[in-house]
Amino acid sequence: MERPTLPPISYAGRIERTRAAAQQHGVDGVLVTDLTNLRWLSAFTGSSAMLLIRPDDAVLITDGRYAERSRDEASAAGVDLDIRVGFSQGEQHDTLVGAAQNLRRLGAESTSLTHARWSQLSTDLPIEPLPIAVSEGRRRKDAGELARIACACAFADAALAEVAPRLGDGMSEADVRNELEYRMRIQGADGPSYATIVASGPTHAARPHHEPGDRTLVEGDTVVIDVGALVDGYHSDMTRSYVIGDPTRDQAALYELLLGIQLAGIAAVSAGVAAADVDATCRSMAEDAGLLDWYLHSTGHGVGLQIHEDPFESPVSTQELLVGDVVTVEPGLYRVGFGGFRIEDLVEVTADGCRVLTSTPKDKPCLPSPPTT
């Protein structure tokens, strides 16, 4: 299926803003080695590169595999880069040292460098831990980024709409996963956003991150399906839960409780709200129902070029939601012997609330999925 035309991503100003933020802390150069941050700044999509941001320009150092590709990507994105190629790690190191020779203080991403690599660099360069987090700039998605995330959501929605009616047809967990990932690609996705989760029955569905196996879905199962698509490096994330056949009274009651919790979580999302408060909204409702020990994970996380990124909606978060954040709201209730349910939507944070990006039904049509045999 042909992918819709999407607006361009705006790379303009990203390197300049990163340089200015570092200079405010007295750092006159920035060394970016985290490939996700490097991609966000420069449009580079390869697997090996360093970006040196100097006071007046930026140097991308990569190897021969990505010489032409990096030039094409930077040109298409409108990013002005001095691209230099080293055909071995030693050549790339020497190129970096030469390019940074006039810098007095070079901020480097200590979290993405091994101790050995940091030690090697510090021998020849005036590196110090970067006093800013490049990843903070990635939080506020521009129109091009939001369009790709929304497109990824649509691909996952379409795939699940095709597969969900077949859950009672004797498929295994792995069969469901394979069908979902195949159909997302047919829709136009680059692939799955992460390892698709299909968890069924009284034991597997009680594991929030169960890996699909050969277990066949059978009548009476609770089934948790966590599925997302990838578009131009941007992720989507969604979970829907089902019952095969008619739900029992306990299954129906627990699902209705969780749906109410999830809707309350979405209603709590807005710019300026503490991320921990979104988690508290959902967690407190589970506690009021006497099911706090069924609530096994945090309520949500940011999504973008990474499937898990800032901000995190957890009890220990110190962050506030910002306009342009894209976050999940995904409370779940799990217990071995019962199975489990999780309901997850991806939302864009706005000034007065949020915009839900995932559209697969999650109310009564989501529960149950009757056998068709």
Foldseek 3Di string as FASTA:
>chain_A
DDADDFDAFQLPPLLVVLQVVQVVVVFFKEKEFPVLLVCSNQVDDDDFWIWMRGNPAIEIEGAPVCQVVSVVRNVVNVHDYRYDYDHDPVRSLVVVLVVCVPTDEYAYDPVVDDPVRVVVNVVRHNYDHRPDDSVVVVFAGDRRQVRQQLSFLVLLLVQCVVQLLALQVFAFQVRSQVSSQVSSVVSPFPTWQDQKDKAKDLARLQDPRHHTDGHTHHAQMKIKTWTTTHGSLFIYIWIAIAGEAAYDPVVQVVLVLQVVLLVQLQQQFAFPAFLQVSQVSSLVSCVVVVQNVQFDDGQKAFTGSHRHDPDGNGNPGPDTDHQRTKMKGWTKGHDRRNRITIGIWIWGHHHNGTHTSHDNDHPVVSYYNYNPD
